[in-house]
């Protein structure tokens, strides 16, 4: 169902060339919102966890090279000659170490990294929905502020007319000074309220621009229902418990905690490493007497060493650190399960509250339309009766005040109705660029993960 503020001017209700709709606002936010851009980059960075976790399955290769120069000099008391030597040594080695067994902790590390990454994906979706909710609220607030300004402009016109009518009638003796003063006061009050509403509009524009990264428009279209609304609260809860990203994140956190416990369990088991190395060294030695010019002989030695072997490591006691970490991981598993149940309960309760608020706002929407129509009829009737002398100006002023109140109430009901509507979409996990089929290039986090996970 679509509702419109019936008292607005045609340009505001129907939009204009410079107007935008809620989909335009969300599209701009998806592309420009700094909060979204930041968390996307953080998720991309988290993908490196899988590469780090897989490093336990890969060999470690270390190459070393050494070069040295040694000079020696000897003088005997019974001999006036100085005998010395100059040695030059060069060596290079390559060592390869490959873990064969580590108590299955390497497998647990990979699984934990995967679940941590999937949890980050769910958090990204949650963050995207939260940003979209902020944008929608800013859009609705901007819409309401434009509508409020229009309502106060219409009220100023009416109050000005009343004041001018009262002044004219007082000049011919048909109204008193008190009635003219009352009309003047109402006119001044209407102008003051219009100024306040205009200031509020500027503040709403600033918030909109900050969230969407685009200049606030001169007009905004009437909000729309972007997707189908659940037919019942039970259906809303059913979808929410399956698709809400907060629940998905809680499930992934449980699995990550389980794998974290296995990592520490594996560190308490024996490990086996295979190590192979090769080393080559070359040494040159020159002997001399008194100076390098008097060479008594040069020799060179070359050696090549190779080795391969297995290393078995059995952890006996590490000051209790690993066992403490394992106990801590066990408690973390329990905590994540409790958190999951809390998220489920909160989601279920939120579905009940939002759906009931949505139904109430829907009823209030219908009533607000009737109230505005009724108050407009009352204003017209009182004005006509005042012209024939059966009503006084005070009655007209009261009727117009109630009309303004009804208009502002209608604006508030529209705002609440759509806030509850979009909140339901968020609970179902549908308030995303993909869920709303926004005309943007969707950020495919899975593709980035596939490109990174097998890096070496």
Foldseek 3Di string as FASTA:
>chain_A
DDFFLVPFDPCFAVHDPQAEELLVLLQLLCVDFPVLVVLLVVLLVLLCQLVVLLCLQDKDKDKDKDKDKDKFWDDDPVDPKIKIKIKIKIKMKMKIKHWDAQLCLSVLSNQLSVLVSQLSVLVSLLVSLVLSLLLLLLQLQLSLLVLLLRLLVVQLVVLVVLLVVQVVCVVVPNHDPVSNVVSVVSNVVSVVVSVVSVVSNVVSQVSSCNSSVDGRTPHYYQHDQLDDFDPDLVVLLVLLCVAQSVLVSLVSQLSSLVSQLSNLVSNQAKIKMKMKMKMKMKMKMWMAMRDPVGTPDMDMDIDIDIDIDMDIDHDDDDPCPSVVSSVVSVVSSVVSVVVSVVVSVVLSVLSVVLVVLLVVLVVVLVVLVVQLVVLVVQLVVQVVCVVVPNHPSVSNSVSSVSNSVSSSSNSVSSSSNVSSSSVSCNSSSQSHCVSSVRPDDDDDSVVSSVVNSPDD
